[in-house]
Amino acid sequence: MTNHHQFFDRQEAGVRLAQQIETSLEPNEAVIVLGLPRGGVPVAYEVARHLQVPMDVLVVRKLGYPGNQEYAVGALAEGGMKVTNDQALEHVTHSQWERVLAKEQLELERRIHTYRSGKDFPDLRGKTVVIVDDGLATGATMLAAVKTVKQYQPKRIVVAAPVGARNTCQEILSAVNEVICLRMPEPFYGVSAWYQSFPQTSDETVRHLLDMAQHGFSGRQA
């Protein structure tokens, strides 16, 4: 049983998010859903399945502060996009930062190879692109994703997440057409606090969901 603040899991959150997104779309809008791996993919899958539209991933990597991995000071996205918080990096040496970048660039490339298996990045030109994550904390990875998507000349960009920090959602709104966030709790406490079940999403799950989406949502992940 969930309390009214919580989602049971990413699947339930995705279904509820899809219902909200649906109300903001035109009947014949050409839509594609992009999930941010890994945790955003199960949410994105439910959104795309509900809307019956194509889905793919946009691979982004958080750049953690040297020595404090969880504190995001930027992000890398496929296609070479980089976002950094320069203020937060004032006390970081060049070599420390180079190490973080090199490590995350390698992981970014590994994930692109694992999830895309050689396929091209999807064609976004003239489409409504819905970028989905399981939550918006600092917004660093989402902003890198948004900047990447803009290069592909979409018609409009909608950022969607079940839960987010209010100031992050407001910051992202200035960069896109619409932000749909079902919960903006204060205080925020981090994304996982708003899910009863929040397991790590595996690479296998990401590939499986992408596979099912590409074959017309025939199956359903347990």
N, C-alpha and C. Protein backbone atom coordinates (compact mmCIF):
# COMPACT_ATOMS: atom_id res chain seq x y z
N MET A 1 0.86 -1.20 0.00
CA MET A 1 0.00 0.00 0.00
C MET A 1 0.89 1.24 0.00
N THR A 2 0.69 2.15 -0.94
CA THR A 2 1.50 3.37 -0.97
C THR A 2 0.79 4.46 -0.20
N ASN A 3 1.57 5.33 0.42
CA ASN A 3 0.92 6.53 0.94
C ASN A 3 0.80 7.50 -0.22
N HIS A 4 0.12 8.63 -0.03
CA HIS A 4 -0.16 9.49 -1.17
C HIS A 4 1.09 10.21 -1.68
N HIS A 5 2.19 10.12 -0.94
CA HIS A 5 3.41 10.77 -1.40
C HIS A 5 4.24 9.85 -2.30
N GLN A 6 4.00 8.57 -2.20
CA GLN A 6 4.92 7.62 -2.82
C GLN A 6 4.34 6.90 -4.02
N PHE A 7 5.26 6.53 -4.92
CA PHE A 7 4.93 5.60 -5.99
C PHE A 7 5.37 4.23 -5.50
N PHE A 8 4.68 3.20 -5.96
CA PHE A 8 5.12 1.87 -5.56
C PHE A 8 6.47 1.56 -6.20
N ASP A 9 6.53 1.67 -7.53
CA ASP A 9 7.80 1.42 -8.23
C ASP A 9 7.82 2.24 -9.52
N ARG A 10 8.87 2.05 -10.32
CA ARG A 10 9.01 2.86 -11.54
C ARG A 10 7.90 2.57 -12.55
N GLN A 11 7.43 1.32 -12.56
CA GLN A 11 6.36 0.96 -13.50
C GLN A 11 5.08 1.74 -13.19
N GLU A 12 4.69 1.71 -11.93
CA GLU A 12 3.47 2.43 -11.53
C GLU A 12 3.64 3.93 -11.79
N ALA A 13 4.81 4.44 -11.48
CA ALA A 13 5.08 5.87 -11.70
C ALA A 13 4.97 6.20 -13.19
N GLY A 14 5.45 5.30 -14.04
CA GLY A 14 5.40 5.51 -15.48
C GLY A 14 3.98 5.56 -16.02
N VAL A 15 3.13 4.68 -15.50
CA VAL A 15 1.72 4.66 -15.93
C VAL A 15 1.05 5.98 -15.54
N ARG A 16 1.31 6.43 -14.32
CA ARG A 16 0.67 7.67 -13.86
C ARG A 16 1.21 8.88 -14.61
N LEU A 17 2.49 8.83 -14.92
CA LEU A 17 3.11 9.92 -15.68
C LEU A 17 2.52 9.96 -17.10
N ALA A 18 2.34 8.79 -17.70
CA ALA A 18 1.78 8.71 -19.06
C ALA A 18 0.40 9.35 -19.13
N GLN A 19 -0.41 9.10 -18.10
CA GLN A 19 -1.77 9.65 -18.09
C GLN A 19 -1.73 11.18 -18.08
N GLN A 20 -0.77 11.72 -17.36
CA GLN A 20 -0.62 13.17 -17.29
C GLN A 20 -0.08 13.74 -18.61
N ILE A 21 0.91 13.06 -19.19
CA ILE A 21 1.51 13.52 -20.46
C ILE A 21 0.46 13.54 -21.56
N GLU A 22 -0.38 12.50 -21.56
CA GLU A 22 -1.40 12.35 -22.60
C GLU A 22 -2.29 13.58 -22.70
N THR A 23 -2.58 14.19 -21.57
CA THR A 23 -3.48 15.36 -21.57
C THR A 23 -2.84 16.57 -22.23
N SER A 24 -1.50 16.57 -22.38
CA SER A 24 -0.86 17.75 -22.96
C SER A 24 -0.46 17.55 -24.43
N LEU A 25 -0.86 16.41 -25.02
CA LEU A 25 -0.50 16.13 -26.42
C LEU A 25 -1.68 16.36 -27.34
N GLU A 26 -1.38 16.82 -28.55
CA GLU A 26 -2.42 16.92 -29.59
C GLU A 26 -2.70 15.51 -30.12
N PRO A 27 -3.91 15.27 -30.64
CA PRO A 27 -4.26 13.92 -31.11
C PRO A 27 -3.28 13.33 -32.13
N ASN A 28 -2.80 14.14 -33.08
CA ASN A 28 -1.96 13.58 -34.14
C ASN A 28 -0.49 13.96 -34.02
N GLU A 29 -0.09 14.34 -32.83
CA GLU A 29 1.30 14.77 -32.63
C GLU A 29 2.27 13.60 -32.85
N ALA A 30 3.35 13.84 -33.58
CA ALA A 30 4.39 12.81 -33.77
C ALA A 30 5.30 12.83 -32.54
N VAL A 31 5.19 11.78 -31.73
CA VAL A 31 5.88 11.77 -30.43
C VAL A 31 6.91 10.64 -30.38
N ILE A 32 8.05 10.92 -29.77
CA ILE A 32 8.99 9.86 -29.43
C ILE A 32 9.40 10.05 -27.97
N VAL A 33 9.50 8.96 -27.25
CA VAL A 33 9.89 9.00 -25.84
C VAL A 33 11.35 8.57 -25.72
N LEU A 34 12.14 9.36 -24.99
CA LEU A 34 13.53 8.99 -24.72
C LEU A 34 13.71 8.82 -23.22
N GLY A 35 14.16 7.62 -22.81
CA GLY A 35 14.42 7.37 -21.40
C GLY A 35 15.89 7.58 -21.08
N LEU A 36 16.18 8.15 -19.90
CA LEU A 36 17.57 8.30 -19.47
C LEU A 36 17.97 7.06 -18.68
N PRO A 37 18.95 6.29 -19.21
CA PRO A 37 19.34 5.06 -18.51
C PRO A 37 20.08 5.38 -17.22
N ARG A 38 20.01 4.51 -16.20
CA ARG A 38 19.21 3.32 -16.41
C ARG A 38 17.81 3.49 -15.82
N GLY A 39 17.71 4.19 -14.69
CA GLY A 39 16.44 4.23 -13.96
C GLY A 39 15.28 4.87 -14.70
N GLY A 40 15.58 5.73 -15.67
CA GLY A 40 14.49 6.38 -16.40
C GLY A 40 13.84 5.47 -17.43
N VAL A 41 14.51 4.37 -17.78
CA VAL A 41 14.02 3.52 -18.87
C VAL A 41 12.74 2.76 -18.51
N PRO A 42 12.64 2.14 -17.32
CA PRO A 42 11.36 1.47 -16.99
C PRO A 42 10.19 2.47 -16.95
N VAL A 43 10.46 3.70 -16.52
CA VAL A 43 9.41 4.74 -16.50
C VAL A 43 9.03 5.10 -17.94
N ALA A 44 10.06 5.33 -18.77
CA ALA A 44 9.84 5.70 -20.17
C ALA A 44 9.09 4.61 -20.93
N TYR A 45 9.41 3.36 -20.61
CA TYR A 45 8.76 2.24 -21.29
C TYR A 45 7.25 2.28 -21.06
N GLU A 46 6.85 2.50 -19.81
CA GLU A 46 5.41 2.56 -19.50
C GLU A 46 4.75 3.75 -20.18
N VAL A 47 5.48 4.87 -20.26
CA VAL A 47 4.94 6.07 -20.93
C VAL A 47 4.70 5.76 -22.41
N ALA A 48 5.72 5.20 -23.07
CA ALA A 48 5.62 4.91 -24.50
C ALA A 48 4.56 3.85 -24.79
N ARG A 49 4.48 2.86 -23.90
CA ARG A 49 3.50 1.78 -24.07
C ARG A 49 2.08 2.33 -23.97
N HIS A 50 1.88 3.19 -22.99
CA HIS A 50 0.56 3.79 -22.77
C HIS A 50 0.17 4.69 -23.96
N LEU A 51 1.14 5.46 -24.43
CA LEU A 51 0.86 6.39 -25.54
C LEU A 51 0.94 5.70 -26.90
N GLN A 52 1.49 4.45 -26.90
CA GLN A 52 1.69 3.70 -28.15
C GLN A 52 2.54 4.49 -29.15
N VAL A 53 3.69 4.94 -28.67
CA VAL A 53 4.63 5.69 -29.52
C VAL A 53 6.02 5.05 -29.39
N PRO A 54 6.92 5.34 -30.34
CA PRO A 54 8.26 4.76 -30.26
C PRO A 54 9.04 5.27 -29.05
N MET A 55 9.97 4.44 -28.58
CA MET A 55 10.86 4.89 -27.51
C MET A 55 12.29 4.48 -27.81
N ASP A 56 13.21 5.22 -27.22
CA ASP A 56 14.62 4.90 -27.32
C ASP A 56 15.28 5.43 -26.04
N VAL A 57 16.61 5.32 -26.00
CA VAL A 57 17.33 5.88 -24.85
C VAL A 57 18.17 7.06 -25.31
N LEU A 58 18.48 7.92 -24.35
CA LEU A 58 19.48 8.97 -24.57
C LEU A 58 20.48 8.75 -23.44
N VAL A 59 21.69 8.36 -23.81
CA VAL A 59 22.66 7.97 -22.77
C VAL A 59 23.35 9.21 -22.21
N VAL A 60 23.22 9.39 -20.91
CA VAL A 60 23.86 10.50 -20.21
C VAL A 60 24.59 9.96 -18.99
N ARG A 61 25.65 10.63 -18.60
CA ARG A 61 26.39 10.25 -17.40
C ARG A 61 26.57 11.45 -16.51
N LYS A 62 26.22 11.27 -15.25
CA LYS A 62 26.46 12.31 -14.26
C LYS A 62 27.96 12.44 -14.03
N LEU A 63 28.45 13.65 -13.92
CA LEU A 63 29.85 13.88 -13.55
C LEU A 63 29.88 14.22 -12.07
N GLY A 64 30.38 13.29 -11.28
CA GLY A 64 30.41 13.47 -9.83
C GLY A 64 31.62 14.29 -9.40
N TYR A 65 31.45 15.00 -8.32
CA TYR A 65 32.56 15.77 -7.74
C TYR A 65 33.67 14.80 -7.34
N PRO A 66 34.93 15.09 -7.69
CA PRO A 66 36.01 14.15 -7.33
C PRO A 66 35.99 13.83 -5.83
N GLY A 67 35.90 12.54 -5.52
CA GLY A 67 35.87 12.12 -4.12
C GLY A 67 34.47 12.10 -3.53
N ASN A 68 33.48 12.63 -4.26
CA ASN A 68 32.09 12.57 -3.78
C ASN A 68 31.18 12.32 -4.98
N GLN A 69 31.20 11.07 -5.41
CA GLN A 69 30.55 10.62 -6.64
C GLN A 69 29.10 11.06 -6.76
N GLU A 70 28.39 11.12 -5.63
CA GLU A 70 26.95 11.38 -5.69
C GLU A 70 26.62 12.85 -5.96
N TYR A 71 27.56 13.74 -5.69
CA TYR A 71 27.29 15.16 -5.88
C TYR A 71 27.55 15.53 -7.34
N ALA A 72 26.50 15.77 -8.10
CA ALA A 72 26.65 16.03 -9.54
C ALA A 72 27.12 17.45 -9.78
N VAL A 73 28.23 17.56 -10.51
CA VAL A 73 28.72 18.89 -10.88
C VAL A 73 28.67 19.07 -12.40
N GLY A 74 27.99 18.13 -13.05
CA GLY A 74 27.84 18.23 -14.50
C GLY A 74 27.39 16.91 -15.06
N ALA A 75 27.39 16.84 -16.38
CA ALA A 75 26.96 15.61 -17.06
C ALA A 75 27.50 15.58 -18.47
N LEU A 76 27.65 14.36 -18.97
CA LEU A 76 28.04 14.11 -20.37
C LEU A 76 26.87 13.42 -21.04
N ALA A 77 26.66 13.71 -22.32
CA ALA A 77 25.62 13.01 -23.08
C ALA A 77 26.19 12.52 -24.40
N GLU A 78 25.56 11.48 -24.94
CA GLU A 78 26.04 10.98 -26.23
C GLU A 78 25.92 12.11 -27.27
N GLY A 79 26.84 12.10 -28.22
CA GLY A 79 26.85 13.18 -29.20
C GLY A 79 27.81 14.29 -28.78
N GLY A 80 28.49 14.10 -27.64
CA GLY A 80 29.54 15.04 -27.24
C GLY A 80 29.10 16.21 -26.38
N MET A 81 27.84 16.22 -25.94
CA MET A 81 27.36 17.35 -25.15
C MET A 81 27.86 17.26 -23.71
N LYS A 82 28.32 18.40 -23.18
CA LYS A 82 28.80 18.41 -21.79
C LYS A 82 28.21 19.63 -21.08
N VAL A 83 27.76 19.41 -19.86
CA VAL A 83 27.23 20.49 -19.03
C VAL A 83 28.02 20.46 -17.72
N THR A 84 28.52 21.61 -17.28
CA THR A 84 29.23 21.62 -15.99
C THR A 84 28.83 22.84 -15.16
N ASN A 85 28.91 22.64 -13.86
CA ASN A 85 28.68 23.72 -12.91
C ASN A 85 30.06 24.27 -12.53
N ASP A 86 30.46 25.34 -13.20
CA ASP A 86 31.83 25.84 -13.04
C ASP A 86 32.13 26.33 -11.62
N GLN A 87 31.12 26.88 -10.96
CA GLN A 87 31.32 27.34 -9.57
C GLN A 87 31.75 26.20 -8.67
N ALA A 88 31.05 25.05 -8.85
CA ALA A 88 31.34 23.89 -7.99
C ALA A 88 32.73 23.32 -8.27
N LEU A 89 33.31 23.68 -9.42
CA LEU A 89 34.59 23.09 -9.81
C LEU A 89 35.79 23.97 -9.49
N GLU A 90 35.54 25.09 -8.83
CA GLU A 90 36.64 26.03 -8.54
C GLU A 90 37.78 25.40 -7.76
N HIS A 91 37.45 24.43 -6.88
CA HIS A 91 38.48 23.85 -6.02
C HIS A 91 38.96 22.48 -6.50
N VAL A 92 38.66 22.16 -7.75
CA VAL A 92 39.07 20.87 -8.30
C VAL A 92 40.26 21.09 -9.23
N THR A 93 41.29 20.26 -9.08
CA THR A 93 42.45 20.41 -9.96
C THR A 93 42.12 19.88 -11.36
N HIS A 94 42.88 20.35 -12.32
CA HIS A 94 42.68 19.95 -13.71
C HIS A 94 42.81 18.42 -13.85
N SER A 95 43.82 17.86 -13.21
CA SER A 95 44.04 16.41 -13.36
C SER A 95 42.93 15.59 -12.70
N GLN A 96 42.43 16.06 -11.56
CA GLN A 96 41.30 15.36 -10.91
C GLN A 96 40.10 15.34 -11.85
N TRP A 97 39.83 16.48 -12.46
CA TRP A 97 38.67 16.62 -13.33
C TRP A 97 38.83 15.79 -14.60
N GLU A 98 40.04 15.79 -15.15
CA GLU A 98 40.33 14.98 -16.35
C GLU A 98 40.06 13.50 -16.09
N ARG A 99 40.41 13.05 -14.87
CA ARG A 99 40.19 11.64 -14.51
C ARG A 99 38.70 11.31 -14.49
N VAL A 100 37.91 12.21 -13.88
CA VAL A 100 36.45 12.02 -13.81
C VAL A 100 35.88 11.95 -15.24
N LEU A 101 36.29 12.90 -16.08
CA LEU A 101 35.78 12.96 -17.45
C LEU A 101 36.13 11.69 -18.23
N ALA A 102 37.39 11.25 -18.11
CA ALA A 102 37.84 10.07 -18.86
C ALA A 102 37.05 8.83 -18.44
N LYS A 103 36.85 8.68 -17.13
CA LYS A 103 36.14 7.52 -16.60
C LYS A 103 34.68 7.51 -17.08
N GLU A 104 34.02 8.66 -17.00
CA GLU A 104 32.61 8.72 -17.38
C GLU A 104 32.43 8.62 -18.89
N GLN A 105 33.39 9.14 -19.65
CA GLN A 105 33.33 9.02 -21.11
C GLN A 105 33.39 7.54 -21.53
N LEU A 106 34.25 6.79 -20.85
CA LEU A 106 34.35 5.35 -21.13
C LEU A 106 33.04 4.63 -20.83
N GLU A 107 32.44 4.96 -19.68
CA GLU A 107 31.18 4.32 -19.29
C GLU A 107 30.06 4.74 -20.25
N LEU A 108 30.08 6.00 -20.67
CA LEU A 108 29.09 6.50 -21.64
C LEU A 108 29.17 5.66 -22.93
N GLU A 109 30.39 5.48 -23.42
CA GLU A 109 30.58 4.73 -24.67
C GLU A 109 30.18 3.26 -24.50
N ARG A 110 30.50 2.69 -23.32
CA ARG A 110 30.12 1.30 -23.06
C ARG A 110 28.60 1.15 -23.11
N ARG A 111 27.91 2.09 -22.49
CA ARG A 111 26.44 2.00 -22.45
C ARG A 111 25.82 2.21 -23.83
N ILE A 112 26.35 3.15 -24.59
CA ILE A 112 25.83 3.38 -25.94
C ILE A 112 25.95 2.08 -26.74
N HIS A 113 27.11 1.47 -26.65
CA HIS A 113 27.36 0.22 -27.37
C HIS A 113 26.41 -0.89 -26.88
N THR A 114 26.24 -0.97 -25.56
CA THR A 114 25.39 -2.02 -24.96
C THR A 114 23.92 -1.84 -25.35
N TYR A 115 23.42 -0.61 -25.30
CA TYR A 115 21.98 -0.38 -25.52
C TYR A 115 21.61 -0.24 -26.99
N ARG A 116 22.51 0.34 -27.78
CA ARG A 116 22.16 0.59 -29.18
C ARG A 116 22.56 -0.53 -30.11
N SER A 117 23.53 -1.34 -29.70
CA SER A 117 24.06 -2.43 -30.54
C SER A 117 24.28 -1.95 -31.98
N GLY A 118 24.93 -0.80 -32.12
CA GLY A 118 25.30 -0.32 -33.45
C GLY A 118 24.22 0.48 -34.18
N LYS A 119 23.02 0.55 -33.62
CA LYS A 119 21.96 1.32 -34.29
C LYS A 119 22.21 2.82 -34.12
N ASP A 120 21.71 3.60 -35.06
CA ASP A 120 21.89 5.05 -35.00
C ASP A 120 20.99 5.67 -33.93
N PHE A 121 21.36 6.89 -33.55
CA PHE A 121 20.50 7.69 -32.67
C PHE A 121 19.21 7.99 -33.45
N PRO A 122 18.05 7.96 -32.79
CA PRO A 122 16.79 8.13 -33.53
C PRO A 122 16.67 9.51 -34.17
N ASP A 123 15.85 9.59 -35.21
CA ASP A 123 15.59 10.85 -35.90
C ASP A 123 14.54 11.64 -35.12
N LEU A 124 14.91 12.81 -34.64
CA LEU A 124 14.01 13.60 -33.80
C LEU A 124 13.43 14.82 -34.52
N ARG A 125 13.88 15.06 -35.73
CA ARG A 125 13.50 16.29 -36.44
C ARG A 125 11.98 16.43 -36.57
N GLY A 126 11.49 17.59 -36.12
CA GLY A 126 10.07 17.88 -36.27
C GLY A 126 9.14 17.12 -35.34
N LYS A 127 9.72 16.36 -34.39
CA LYS A 127 8.88 15.56 -33.49
C LYS A 127 8.76 16.21 -32.11
N THR A 128 7.75 15.79 -31.39
CA THR A 128 7.66 16.13 -29.97
C THR A 128 8.46 15.07 -29.22
N VAL A 129 9.50 15.50 -28.55
CA VAL A 129 10.37 14.57 -27.84
C VAL A 129 10.07 14.66 -26.34
N VAL A 130 9.67 13.54 -25.77
CA VAL A 130 9.39 13.47 -24.34
C VAL A 130 10.58 12.78 -23.66
N ILE A 131 11.34 13.54 -22.88
CA ILE A 131 12.52 12.98 -22.21
C ILE A 131 12.11 12.60 -20.79
N VAL A 132 12.32 11.33 -20.45
CA VAL A 132 11.80 10.80 -19.19
C VAL A 132 12.93 10.31 -18.28
N ASP A 133 12.85 10.67 -17.00
CA ASP A 133 13.73 10.08 -15.99
C ASP A 133 12.88 9.67 -14.80
N ASP A 134 13.48 8.90 -13.87
CA ASP A 134 12.68 8.45 -12.71
C ASP A 134 12.60 9.53 -11.63
N GLY A 135 13.38 10.60 -11.78
CA GLY A 135 13.31 11.72 -10.85
C GLY A 135 14.32 12.78 -11.24
N LEU A 136 14.05 14.01 -10.80
CA LEU A 136 14.94 15.13 -11.12
C LEU A 136 15.49 15.70 -9.82
N ALA A 137 16.76 15.43 -9.57
CA ALA A 137 17.38 15.94 -8.33
C ALA A 137 18.11 17.25 -8.64
N THR A 138 19.37 17.16 -9.11
CA THR A 138 20.09 18.39 -9.47
C THR A 138 19.71 18.86 -10.86
N GLY A 139 19.24 17.94 -11.71
CA GLY A 139 18.89 18.30 -13.08
C GLY A 139 20.06 18.30 -14.05
N ALA A 140 21.27 17.99 -13.57
CA ALA A 140 22.45 18.06 -14.44
C ALA A 140 22.33 17.14 -15.64
N THR A 141 21.95 15.87 -15.40
CA THR A 141 21.87 14.94 -16.53
C THR A 141 20.73 15.32 -17.47
N MET A 142 19.62 15.79 -16.92
CA MET A 142 18.50 16.18 -17.77
C MET A 142 18.85 17.38 -18.65
N LEU A 143 19.59 18.34 -18.10
CA LEU A 143 19.97 19.51 -18.90
C LEU A 143 20.91 19.11 -20.03
N ALA A 144 21.80 18.15 -19.77
CA ALA A 144 22.68 17.65 -20.83
C ALA A 144 21.85 16.94 -21.90
N ALA A 145 20.84 16.20 -21.47
CA ALA A 145 19.95 15.51 -22.40
C ALA A 145 19.18 16.51 -23.27
N VAL A 146 18.68 17.55 -22.63
CA VAL A 146 17.91 18.58 -23.35
C VAL A 146 18.79 19.25 -24.41
N LYS A 147 20.00 19.62 -24.03
CA LYS A 147 20.91 20.28 -24.98
C LYS A 147 21.21 19.36 -26.18
N THR A 148 21.34 18.07 -25.89
CA THR A 148 21.59 17.10 -26.96
C THR A 148 20.41 17.04 -27.91
N VAL A 149 19.21 16.92 -27.35
CA VAL A 149 18.00 16.81 -28.17
C VAL A 149 17.81 18.05 -29.05
N LYS A 150 18.13 19.22 -28.51
CA LYS A 150 17.95 20.47 -29.27
C LYS A 150 18.75 20.48 -30.58
N GLN A 151 19.88 19.79 -30.59
CA GLN A 151 20.71 19.75 -31.80
C GLN A 151 19.99 19.04 -32.95
N TYR A 152 19.00 18.23 -32.62
CA TYR A 152 18.31 17.42 -33.64
C TYR A 152 17.04 18.08 -34.17
N GLN A 153 16.83 19.33 -33.83
CA GLN A 153 15.69 20.13 -34.34
C GLN A 153 14.32 19.49 -34.13
N PRO A 154 13.98 19.17 -32.88
CA PRO A 154 12.63 18.66 -32.62
C PRO A 154 11.61 19.79 -32.73
N LYS A 155 10.35 19.42 -32.83
CA LYS A 155 9.28 20.44 -32.84
C LYS A 155 9.15 21.05 -31.44
N ARG A 156 9.07 20.17 -30.45
CA ARG A 156 9.08 20.67 -29.07
C ARG A 156 9.63 19.61 -28.13
N ILE A 157 10.04 20.05 -26.96
CA ILE A 157 10.63 19.15 -25.97
C ILE A 157 9.81 19.21 -24.69
N VAL A 158 9.42 18.02 -24.23
CA VAL A 158 8.72 17.90 -22.95
C VAL A 158 9.61 17.06 -22.03
N VAL A 159 9.90 17.58 -20.85
CA VAL A 159 10.64 16.81 -19.85
C VAL A 159 9.63 16.27 -18.85
N ALA A 160 9.72 14.97 -18.56
CA ALA A 160 8.73 14.35 -17.69
C ALA A 160 9.39 13.44 -16.66
N ALA A 161 8.96 13.58 -15.41
CA ALA A 161 9.46 12.72 -14.33
C ALA A 161 8.37 12.61 -13.27
N PRO A 162 8.32 11.45 -12.61
CA PRO A 162 7.32 11.29 -11.55
C PRO A 162 7.54 12.25 -10.38
N VAL A 163 8.81 12.53 -10.08
CA VAL A 163 9.11 13.36 -8.90
C VAL A 163 10.32 14.22 -9.19
N GLY A 164 10.33 15.42 -8.62
CA GLY A 164 11.49 16.30 -8.83
C GLY A 164 11.57 17.39 -7.79
N ALA A 165 12.78 17.91 -7.61
CA ALA A 165 12.97 19.06 -6.74
C ALA A 165 12.37 20.28 -7.45
N ARG A 166 11.58 21.07 -6.73
CA ARG A 166 10.84 22.17 -7.35
C ARG A 166 11.76 23.14 -8.11
N ASN A 167 12.87 23.53 -7.48
CA ASN A 167 13.75 24.51 -8.15
C ASN A 167 14.40 23.93 -9.40
N THR A 168 14.67 22.60 -9.38
CA THR A 168 15.24 21.93 -10.56
C THR A 168 14.22 21.94 -11.70
N CYS A 169 12.97 21.61 -11.39
CA CYS A 169 11.92 21.59 -12.42
C CYS A 169 11.74 22.98 -13.02
N GLN A 170 11.83 24.01 -12.17
CA GLN A 170 11.68 25.39 -12.67
C GLN A 170 12.86 25.78 -13.56
N GLU A 171 14.06 25.33 -13.16
CA GLU A 171 15.26 25.64 -13.96
C GLU A 171 15.16 24.97 -15.34
N ILE A 172 14.72 23.72 -15.36
CA ILE A 172 14.62 22.99 -16.63
C ILE A 172 13.54 23.60 -17.52
N LEU A 173 12.47 24.11 -16.90
CA LEU A 173 11.38 24.70 -17.67
C LEU A 173 11.86 25.85 -18.54
N SER A 174 12.88 26.57 -18.09
CA SER A 174 13.38 27.69 -18.89
C SER A 174 14.10 27.21 -20.15
N ALA A 175 14.42 25.90 -20.22
CA ALA A 175 15.16 25.35 -21.36
C ALA A 175 14.30 24.55 -22.32
N VAL A 176 13.04 24.26 -21.95
CA VAL A 176 12.19 23.38 -22.77
C VAL A 176 10.78 23.98 -22.91
N ASN A 177 9.91 23.28 -23.65
CA ASN A 177 8.55 23.78 -23.84
C ASN A 177 7.64 23.47 -22.65
N GLU A 178 7.89 22.32 -22.02
CA GLU A 178 7.00 21.90 -20.93
C GLU A 178 7.73 20.95 -19.99
N VAL A 179 7.46 21.08 -18.71
CA VAL A 179 7.96 20.12 -17.72
C VAL A 179 6.75 19.52 -17.02
N ILE A 180 6.68 18.19 -17.01
CA ILE A 180 5.59 17.50 -16.32
C ILE A 180 6.21 16.72 -15.17
N CYS A 181 5.90 17.15 -13.97
CA CYS A 181 6.45 16.50 -12.78
C CYS A 181 5.28 16.26 -11.83
N LEU A 182 4.98 14.99 -11.53
CA LEU A 182 3.78 14.68 -10.74
C LEU A 182 3.89 15.12 -9.29
N ARG A 183 5.11 15.06 -8.74
CA ARG A 183 5.32 15.44 -7.33
C ARG A 183 6.53 16.35 -7.24
N MET A 184 6.34 17.48 -6.56
CA MET A 184 7.48 18.36 -6.28
C MET A 184 7.51 18.62 -4.77
N PRO A 185 7.89 17.57 -4.01
CA PRO A 185 7.83 17.68 -2.55
C PRO A 185 8.87 18.66 -2.00
N GLU A 186 8.51 19.31 -0.92
CA GLU A 186 9.47 20.13 -0.17
C GLU A 186 9.41 19.64 1.27
N PRO A 187 10.49 19.27 1.90
CA PRO A 187 11.83 19.09 1.34
C PRO A 187 11.87 17.87 0.41
N PHE A 188 12.91 17.82 -0.42
CA PHE A 188 12.94 16.84 -1.51
C PHE A 188 13.45 15.46 -1.07
N TYR A 189 14.53 15.42 -0.28
CA TYR A 189 15.12 14.16 0.26
C TYR A 189 15.74 13.22 -0.78
N GLY A 190 15.76 13.56 -2.06
CA GLY A 190 16.31 12.63 -3.05
C GLY A 190 15.23 11.77 -3.69
N VAL A 191 15.53 11.27 -4.87
CA VAL A 191 14.53 10.56 -5.68
C VAL A 191 14.02 9.29 -5.00
N SER A 192 14.93 8.49 -4.46
CA SER A 192 14.54 7.16 -3.95
C SER A 192 13.55 7.24 -2.79
N ALA A 193 13.52 8.37 -2.09
CA ALA A 193 12.61 8.52 -0.95
C ALA A 193 11.14 8.46 -1.37
N TRP A 194 10.87 8.69 -2.66
CA TRP A 194 9.48 8.78 -3.10
C TRP A 194 9.00 7.51 -3.80
N TYR A 195 9.79 6.45 -3.68
CA TYR A 195 9.41 5.15 -4.22
C TYR A 195 9.48 4.12 -3.11
N GLN A 196 8.48 3.24 -3.04
CA GLN A 196 8.56 2.15 -2.07
C GLN A 196 9.59 1.13 -2.51
N SER A 197 9.57 0.82 -3.81
CA SER A 197 10.50 -0.16 -4.36
C SER A 197 11.35 0.56 -5.40
N PHE A 198 12.67 0.62 -5.16
CA PHE A 198 13.55 1.41 -6.04
C PHE A 198 14.84 0.64 -6.29
N PRO A 199 14.73 -0.56 -6.90
CA PRO A 199 15.94 -1.34 -7.13
C PRO A 199 16.79 -0.73 -8.23
N GLN A 200 18.07 -1.08 -8.26
CA GLN A 200 18.93 -0.67 -9.37
C GLN A 200 18.37 -1.29 -10.65
N THR A 201 18.37 -0.52 -11.73
CA THR A 201 17.97 -1.06 -13.03
C THR A 201 19.23 -1.61 -13.70
N SER A 202 19.14 -2.82 -14.23
CA SER A 202 20.34 -3.43 -14.84
C SER A 202 20.41 -3.11 -16.33
N ASP A 203 21.59 -3.30 -16.90
CA ASP A 203 21.75 -3.17 -18.35
C ASP A 203 20.82 -4.13 -19.09
N GLU A 204 20.67 -5.34 -18.53
CA GLU A 204 19.81 -6.35 -19.16
C GLU A 204 18.37 -5.85 -19.24
N THR A 205 17.90 -5.23 -18.17
CA THR A 205 16.52 -4.71 -18.15
C THR A 205 16.36 -3.63 -19.21
N VAL A 206 17.34 -2.73 -19.30
CA VAL A 206 17.28 -1.66 -20.31
C VAL A 206 17.17 -2.26 -21.71
N ARG A 207 18.01 -3.26 -22.01
CA ARG A 207 18.00 -3.87 -23.34
C ARG A 207 16.68 -4.59 -23.60
N HIS A 208 16.19 -5.27 -22.59
CA HIS A 208 14.95 -6.02 -22.69
C HIS A 208 13.77 -5.08 -22.99
N LEU A 209 13.70 -3.97 -22.27
CA LEU A 209 12.59 -3.02 -22.47
C LEU A 209 12.68 -2.36 -23.84
N LEU A 210 13.89 -2.01 -24.26
CA LEU A 210 14.07 -1.41 -25.60
C LEU A 210 13.64 -2.40 -26.68
N ASP A 211 14.01 -3.64 -26.46
CA ASP A 211 13.65 -4.72 -27.37
C ASP A 211 12.13 -4.86 -27.49
N MET A 212 11.48 -4.88 -26.34
CA MET A 212 10.02 -5.02 -26.33
C MET A 212 9.35 -3.82 -26.98
N ALA A 213 9.88 -2.64 -26.72
CA ALA A 213 9.30 -1.43 -27.32
C ALA A 213 9.43 -1.48 -28.84
N GLN A 214 10.61 -1.95 -29.30
CA GLN A 214 10.83 -2.00 -30.74
C GLN A 214 9.96 -3.06 -31.42
N HIS A 215 9.50 -4.03 -30.65
CA HIS A 215 8.63 -5.05 -31.23
C HIS A 215 7.17 -4.80 -30.89
N GLY A 216 6.86 -3.54 -30.64
CA GLY A 216 5.45 -3.18 -30.47
C GLY A 216 4.86 -3.50 -29.11
N PHE A 217 5.67 -3.45 -28.05
CA PHE A 217 5.16 -3.63 -26.68
C PHE A 217 4.38 -4.91 -26.50
N SER A 218 4.86 -5.99 -27.15
CA SER A 218 4.10 -7.23 -27.08
C SER A 218 4.13 -7.84 -25.68
N GLY A 219 5.27 -7.73 -25.01
CA GLY A 219 5.34 -8.34 -23.68
C GLY A 219 5.11 -7.32 -22.60
N ARG A 220 5.29 -7.76 -21.37
CA ARG A 220 5.12 -6.84 -20.24
C ARG A 220 6.13 -7.26 -19.21
N GLN A 221 6.96 -6.32 -18.78
CA GLN A 221 7.98 -6.70 -17.80
C GLN A 221 7.31 -6.96 -16.45
N ALA A 222 7.69 -8.06 -15.83
CA ALA A 222 7.10 -8.39 -14.53
C ALA A 222 7.58 -7.41 -13.49
